[in-house]
């Protein structure tokens, strides 16, 4: 099977590596002049992996789109609308897309599958991939599990069949809203976990996980999804990889933020927290963790005061709001 991967950062290059491992004919696209694609073209290697010789590399979007009817997208969530608009200029007849980013459009709060539908007016298949896993673990042979979701059950089963393996067990999703919101929101909780690490408050990460999952479940339910998705692979199942792992960009961002240290890698939670608050206000859903992080990251509030206040809120039943 031919597969095109649009995006060649940490996760995009992994998707190419993994698809090739599954025996597929893979082409990777990156923007001309960008360091990620230049490094791969020069060495076939980045900080995370080495691509097999069978994987082709290109900076020509025409070539990448033409190569395959199954296209994986793995770029910054905030860049999706621009790329999707470019893709709509092509004849996409018979093509399907798998979105491997975990985020929301920060200014609108829209899910990424919605952004795709708004920008691509042609009848294409759209699915999302969510769940735990780091490139460093997978390339070391450590197995994991993820979930594929879509409005099209046949597309889900197709992707599970062609990309499921002994390395990654793929589950069939049944709640696209919940899967996308849960996957995006875990990055926000990851920011808070890193901040707790930075202050030496690791013992509060347990309460953070419990309350974070409840917060996300409320939002999923208000959006018309199944609140149980918050306790599945897309969200709670991804907490270890996001809240504890040394490989987590969101956790690392939070830790360095409270220590006043720079962080130059992509942490999607920084953008997603704005979208979460936008959604919460529009739907009248209480999201105290998201609000606290918005105040800290974007409004200059004192991190220690905001975080400790979260756990000193008025007494209430655990499973109320």
Protein backbone atom coordinates (compact mmCIF):
# COMPACT_ATOMS: atom_id res chain seq x y z
CA UNK A 1 0.00 0.00 0.00
CA UNK A 2 1.19 3.54 -0.78
CA UNK A 3 1.13 6.05 2.08
CA UNK A 4 2.06 9.73 2.10
CA UNK A 5 3.05 11.45 5.34
CA UNK A 6 2.71 15.23 5.45
CA UNK A 7 5.00 16.51 8.19
CA UNK A 8 8.44 15.31 9.22
CA UNK A 9 8.97 16.39 12.82
CA UNK A 10 9.19 13.94 15.70
CA UNK A 11 5.79 12.33 15.23
CA UNK A 12 5.60 12.69 11.45
CA UNK A 13 8.96 11.00 10.92
CA UNK A 14 7.83 8.25 13.26
CA UNK A 15 4.63 7.71 11.28
CA UNK A 16 6.77 7.23 8.18
CA UNK A 17 9.15 4.87 10.02
CA UNK A 18 6.22 2.89 11.40
CA UNK A 19 4.28 2.67 8.12
CA UNK A 20 7.42 1.39 6.42
CA UNK A 21 7.84 -1.16 9.24
CA UNK A 22 4.31 -2.34 8.42
CA UNK A 23 5.47 -2.99 4.87
CA UNK A 24 4.01 0.02 3.07
CA UNK A 25 5.45 2.23 0.30
CA UNK A 26 6.00 5.54 2.09
CA UNK A 27 6.72 9.08 0.95
CA UNK A 28 7.33 11.93 3.42
CA UNK A 29 6.72 15.60 2.65
CA UNK A 30 8.19 18.62 4.42
CA UNK A 31 8.27 22.30 3.57
CA UNK A 32 11.33 23.34 1.54
CA UNK A 33 13.93 25.10 3.64
CA UNK A 34 12.67 23.75 6.96
CA UNK A 35 15.38 22.17 9.09
CA UNK A 36 13.51 18.90 9.74
CA UNK A 37 13.22 17.89 6.09
CA UNK A 38 16.66 19.23 5.20
CA UNK A 39 18.26 17.07 7.89
CA UNK A 40 16.35 13.97 6.82
CA UNK A 41 17.26 14.50 3.17
CA UNK A 42 20.90 14.91 4.09
CA UNK A 43 21.29 12.11 6.65
CA UNK A 44 17.95 10.18 6.79
CA UNK A 45 18.33 10.61 10.54
CA UNK A 46 16.98 12.98 13.18
CA UNK A 47 17.23 13.09 16.96
CA UNK A 48 14.69 10.26 17.29
CA UNK A 49 15.20 7.70 14.52
CA UNK A 50 16.73 6.69 11.21
CA UNK A 51 14.40 6.26 8.25
CA UNK A 52 14.82 3.09 6.19
CA UNK A 53 16.12 3.52 2.65
CA UNK A 54 12.71 2.58 1.23
CA UNK A 55 11.10 5.81 2.54
CA UNK A 56 11.18 8.57 -0.06
CA UNK A 57 11.50 12.24 0.91
CA UNK A 58 10.17 15.27 -0.95
CA UNK A 59 9.48 18.98 -0.59
CA UNK A 60 7.00 18.85 -3.47
CA UNK A 61 3.44 18.72 -2.14
CA UNK A 62 2.14 17.80 -5.60
CA UNK A 63 4.31 14.69 -5.58
CA UNK A 64 3.25 13.69 -2.07
CA UNK A 65 -0.47 14.08 -2.75
CA UNK A 66 -0.19 12.20 -6.04
CA UNK A 67 1.77 9.36 -4.44
CA UNK A 68 -1.07 7.92 -2.37
CA UNK A 69 -4.79 7.76 -1.71
CA UNK A 70 -4.05 7.38 2.03
CA UNK A 71 -2.42 10.45 3.56
CA UNK A 72 -1.22 10.86 7.14
CA UNK A 73 -0.96 14.43 8.45
CA UNK A 74 1.34 15.17 11.37
CA UNK A 75 2.06 18.89 11.73
CA UNK A 76 1.37 21.57 14.31
CA UNK A 77 -2.37 21.73 14.98
CA UNK A 78 -2.37 25.48 14.41
CA UNK A 79 -0.98 24.99 10.89
CA UNK A 80 -3.69 22.57 9.78
CA UNK A 81 -6.15 25.10 8.38
CA UNK A 82 -3.54 26.54 6.03
CA UNK A 83 -2.39 23.12 4.83
CA UNK A 84 -5.95 21.83 4.41
CA UNK A 85 -6.80 24.85 2.25
CA UNK A 86 -3.80 24.02 0.05
CA UNK A 87 -4.87 20.39 -0.19
CA UNK A 88 -8.34 21.39 -1.37
CA UNK A 89 -6.74 22.82 -4.51
CA UNK A 90 -5.94 19.24 -5.61
CA UNK A 91 -8.25 16.56 -6.95
CA UNK A 92 -8.69 14.46 -3.80
CA UNK A 93 -11.11 11.94 -5.27
CA UNK A 94 -10.93 8.66 -3.36
CA UNK A 95 -8.41 9.92 -0.81
CA UNK A 96 -8.55 9.51 2.96
CA UNK A 97 -6.67 11.38 5.67
CA UNK A 98 -5.46 10.28 9.10
CA UNK A 99 -4.79 13.17 11.49
CA UNK A 100 -2.08 12.31 14.00
CA UNK A 101 -1.97 15.63 15.88
CA UNK A 102 -3.54 16.09 19.32
CA UNK A 103 -4.85 19.62 19.56
CA UNK A 104 -7.62 22.12 18.92
CA UNK A 105 -7.65 25.30 16.88
CA UNK A 106 -6.82 27.84 19.56
CA UNK A 107 -8.84 30.80 18.32
CA UNK A 108 -12.06 28.88 17.62
CA UNK A 109 -11.90 25.79 19.84
CA UNK A 110 -12.70 23.66 16.81
CA UNK A 111 -11.68 20.02 16.58
CA UNK A 112 -9.15 19.24 13.86
CA UNK A 113 -11.52 17.00 11.90
CA UNK A 114 -13.94 19.94 11.79
CA UNK A 115 -11.18 22.22 10.49
CA UNK A 116 -10.49 19.67 7.74
CA UNK A 117 -14.17 19.47 6.79
CA UNK A 118 -14.43 23.25 6.64
CA UNK A 119 -11.40 23.59 4.39
CA UNK A 120 -11.77 20.56 2.13
CA UNK A 121 -15.04 20.76 0.28
CA UNK A 122 -14.48 17.46 -1.53
CA UNK A 123 -15.89 14.16 -0.17
CA UNK A 124 -12.80 12.68 1.51
CA UNK A 125 -12.39 10.27 4.39
CA UNK A 126 -11.12 11.76 7.66
CA UNK A 127 -9.96 9.83 10.71
CA UNK A 128 -7.88 10.62 13.80
CA UNK A 129 -5.26 8.69 15.75
CA UNK A 130 -4.99 9.16 19.50
CA UNK A 131 -3.49 7.49 22.53
CA UNK A 132 -0.21 7.06 24.39
CA UNK A 133 3.23 6.51 22.98
CA UNK A 134 6.59 8.15 22.43
CA UNK A 135 8.85 7.73 19.43
CA UNK A 136 11.76 6.80 21.69
CA UNK A 137 9.79 3.92 23.21
CA UNK A 138 8.33 2.58 19.99
CA UNK A 139 11.63 2.60 18.10
CA UNK A 140 13.17 0.71 21.04
CA UNK A 141 10.56 -2.00 20.48
CA UNK A 142 8.36 -1.21 23.49
CA UNK A 143 4.75 -1.95 22.45
CA UNK A 144 1.74 0.28 23.02
CA UNK A 145 -1.89 0.83 22.13
CA UNK A 146 -3.78 3.64 20.39
CA UNK A 147 -7.29 4.32 19.12
CA UNK A 148 -8.51 5.23 15.62
CA UNK A 149 -11.74 7.20 15.32
CA UNK A 150 -13.85 8.62 12.53
CA UNK A 151 -17.42 9.28 11.46
CA UNK A 152 -16.89 6.45 8.98
CA UNK A 153 -16.71 2.99 10.65
CA UNK A 154 -15.40 1.40 7.45
CA UNK A 155 -12.47 3.81 7.37
CA UNK A 156 -11.65 3.02 10.99
CA UNK A 157 -11.53 -0.71 10.29
CA UNK A 158 -9.45 -0.14 7.16
CA UNK A 159 -6.83 1.83 9.09
CA UNK A 160 -6.78 -0.70 11.92
CA UNK A 161 -6.18 -3.45 9.37
CA UNK A 162 -3.35 -1.72 7.49
CA UNK A 163 -1.55 -0.07 10.42
CA UNK A 164 -2.20 -2.38 13.35
CA UNK A 165 0.81 -4.49 14.34
CA UNK A 166 2.62 -6.25 17.15
CA UNK A 167 4.16 -2.89 18.07
CA UNK A 168 0.98 -0.81 18.20
CA UNK A 169 -2.38 -2.40 18.93
CA UNK A 170 -5.07 -0.23 17.36
CA UNK A 171 -8.51 -0.02 18.94
CA UNK A 172 -11.73 0.92 17.17
CA UNK A 173 -13.06 4.30 18.33
CA UNK A 174 -16.79 5.00 18.61
CA UNK A 175 -16.83 8.64 19.73
CA UNK A 176 -15.02 11.08 17.45
CA UNK A 177 -15.91 14.10 19.60
CA UNK A 178 -14.66 12.48 22.78
CA UNK A 179 -11.53 11.08 21.15
CA UNK A 180 -10.46 14.45 19.74
CA UNK A 181 -11.28 16.47 22.86
CA UNK A 182 -9.70 13.92 25.19
CA UNK A 183 -6.53 13.69 23.12
CA UNK A 184 -6.12 17.45 22.94
CA UNK A 185 -6.95 18.07 26.58
CA UNK A 186 -4.39 15.64 27.96
CA UNK A 187 -1.72 18.06 26.75
CA UNK A 188 -3.22 20.77 28.95
CA UNK A 189 -3.12 18.48 31.97
CA UNK A 190 0.48 17.71 31.00
CA UNK A 191 1.42 21.37 31.39
CA UNK A 192 0.06 21.35 34.94
CA UNK A 193 1.90 18.10 35.75
CA UNK A 194 5.19 19.62 34.64
CA UNK A 195 4.60 22.68 36.79
CA UNK A 196 3.95 20.45 39.81
CA UNK A 197 7.22 18.64 39.04
CA UNK A 198 8.99 21.98 38.90
CA UNK A 199 7.74 22.90 42.36
CA UNK A 200 8.46 19.45 43.82
CA UNK A 201 4.74 18.79 44.28
CA UNK A 202 4.70 15.40 42.57
CA UNK A 203 2.24 14.06 45.16
CA UNK A 204 -0.43 16.36 43.69
CA UNK A 205 -0.23 14.67 40.29
CA UNK A 206 -2.62 11.95 41.47
CA UNK A 207 -5.34 14.48 42.36
CA UNK A 208 -4.53 16.33 39.13
CA UNK A 209 -5.21 13.17 37.11
CA UNK A 210 -8.47 12.44 38.89
CA UNK A 211 -9.81 15.99 38.64
CA UNK A 212 -8.43 16.49 35.14
CA UNK A 213 -10.30 13.48 33.79
CA UNK A 214 -13.54 14.68 35.42
CA UNK A 215 -13.07 18.15 33.91
CA UNK A 216 -12.54 16.76 30.44
CA UNK A 217 -15.44 14.32 30.81
CA UNK A 218 -17.78 17.24 31.56
CA UNK A 219 -16.68 19.07 28.45
CA UNK A 220 -16.98 16.00 26.21
CA UNK A 221 -20.51 15.39 27.48
CA UNK A 222 -21.53 19.02 26.92
CA UNK A 223 -20.26 18.79 23.33
CA UNK A 224 -22.42 15.75 22.63
CA UNK A 225 -19.76 13.08 23.08
CA UNK A 226 -19.53 10.16 25.48
CA UNK A 227 -17.93 11.26 28.73
CA UNK A 228 -16.47 7.77 29.17
CA UNK A 229 -14.00 8.65 26.39
CA UNK A 230 -12.14 10.76 28.95
CA UNK A 231 -11.25 7.52 30.74
CA UNK A 232 -10.08 5.74 27.58
CA UNK A 233 -6.87 5.64 25.56
CA UNK A 234 -7.31 9.14 24.14
CA UNK A 235 -7.09 10.85 27.53
CA UNK A 236 -6.60 8.95 30.82
CA UNK A 237 -4.76 6.21 28.93
CA UNK A 238 -2.27 8.83 27.74
CA UNK A 239 -1.55 10.29 31.19
CA UNK A 240 1.58 8.23 31.89
CA UNK A 241 3.16 9.31 28.60
CA UNK A 242 2.16 12.96 29.05
CA UNK A 243 2.27 13.62 32.81
CA UNK A 244 5.24 11.49 33.85
CA UNK A 245 7.50 10.66 30.92
CA UNK A 246 10.79 12.44 30.41
CA UNK A 247 9.92 12.46 26.71
CA UNK A 248 6.74 14.54 27.14
CA UNK A 249 7.07 18.01 25.62
CA UNK A 250 4.05 19.33 27.51
CA UNK A 251 5.31 18.12 30.87
CA UNK A 252 8.79 19.47 30.10
CA UNK A 253 7.35 22.85 29.08
CA UNK A 254 5.46 23.16 32.37
CA UNK A 255 8.47 22.22 34.45
CA UNK A 256 10.78 24.65 32.68
CA UNK A 257 8.16 27.39 32.67
CA UNK A 258 7.96 27.56 36.46
CA UNK A 259 11.76 27.42 36.66
CA UNK A 260 12.10 30.29 34.24
CA UNK A 261 13.95 28.16 31.70
CA UNK A 262 13.41 28.31 27.92
CA UNK A 263 11.78 25.48 25.98
CA UNK A 264 12.02 25.45 22.19
CA UNK A 265 10.02 22.33 21.25
CA UNK A 266 6.34 22.14 20.31
CA UNK A 267 4.03 21.86 23.35
CA UNK A 268 0.50 21.68 21.94
CA UNK A 269 -1.05 22.28 25.36
CA UNK A 270 0.04 25.92 25.23
CA UNK A 271 -2.39 26.49 22.35
CA UNK A 272 -5.02 23.97 23.40
CA UNK A 273 -5.60 25.64 26.76
CA UNK A 274 -6.96 28.71 24.97
CA UNK A 275 -9.33 26.54 22.97
CA UNK A 276 -10.47 24.67 26.09
CA UNK A 277 -11.41 27.88 27.87
CA UNK A 278 -13.21 29.13 24.75
CA UNK A 279 -15.25 25.91 24.61
CA UNK A 280 -15.96 25.92 28.33
CA UNK A 281 -17.28 29.46 28.26
CA UNK A 282 -19.41 28.82 25.17
CA UNK A 283 -20.97 25.70 26.72
CA UNK A 284 -21.09 26.94 30.33
CA UNK A 285 -18.83 24.12 31.54
CA UNK A 286 -16.63 24.66 34.56
CA UNK A 287 -12.97 24.00 33.66
CA UNK A 288 -10.90 25.15 36.66
CA UNK A 289 -7.63 23.49 35.61
CA UNK A 290 -7.79 24.96 32.12
CA UNK A 291 -8.62 28.41 33.49
CA UNK A 292 -5.72 28.26 35.94
CA UNK A 293 -3.28 27.30 33.21
CA UNK A 294 -4.57 30.02 30.90
CA UNK A 295 -3.94 32.55 33.67
CA UNK A 296 -0.43 31.18 34.22
CA UNK A 297 0.82 30.64 30.68
CA UNK A 298 -0.87 33.49 28.84
CA UNK A 299 -1.76 36.11 31.47
CA UNK A 300 1.23 36.15 33.78
CA UNK A 301 -0.45 34.78 36.93
CA UNK A 302 1.71 33.30 39.69
CA UNK A 303 1.99 29.54 38.95
CA UNK A 304 2.36 28.34 42.54
CA UNK A 305 -0.59 30.39 43.76
CA UNK A 306 -2.84 29.31 40.90
CA UNK A 307 -1.99 25.62 41.22
CA UNK A 308 -2.29 25.42 44.99
CA UNK A 309 -5.59 27.30 44.85
CA UNK A 310 -6.93 24.56 42.57
CA UNK A 311 -6.61 22.07 45.41
CA UNK A 312 -7.95 24.46 48.06
CA UNK A 313 -11.29 25.13 46.40
CA UNK A 314 -14.48 25.01 48.45
CA UNK A 315 -15.46 21.60 49.79
CA UNK A 316 -17.80 19.66 47.51
CA UNK A 317 -18.67 16.05 46.63
CA UNK A 318 -15.89 14.35 44.66
CA UNK A 319 -18.13 13.44 41.76
CA UNK A 320 -19.98 16.74 41.57
CA UNK A 321 -18.44 19.50 39.45
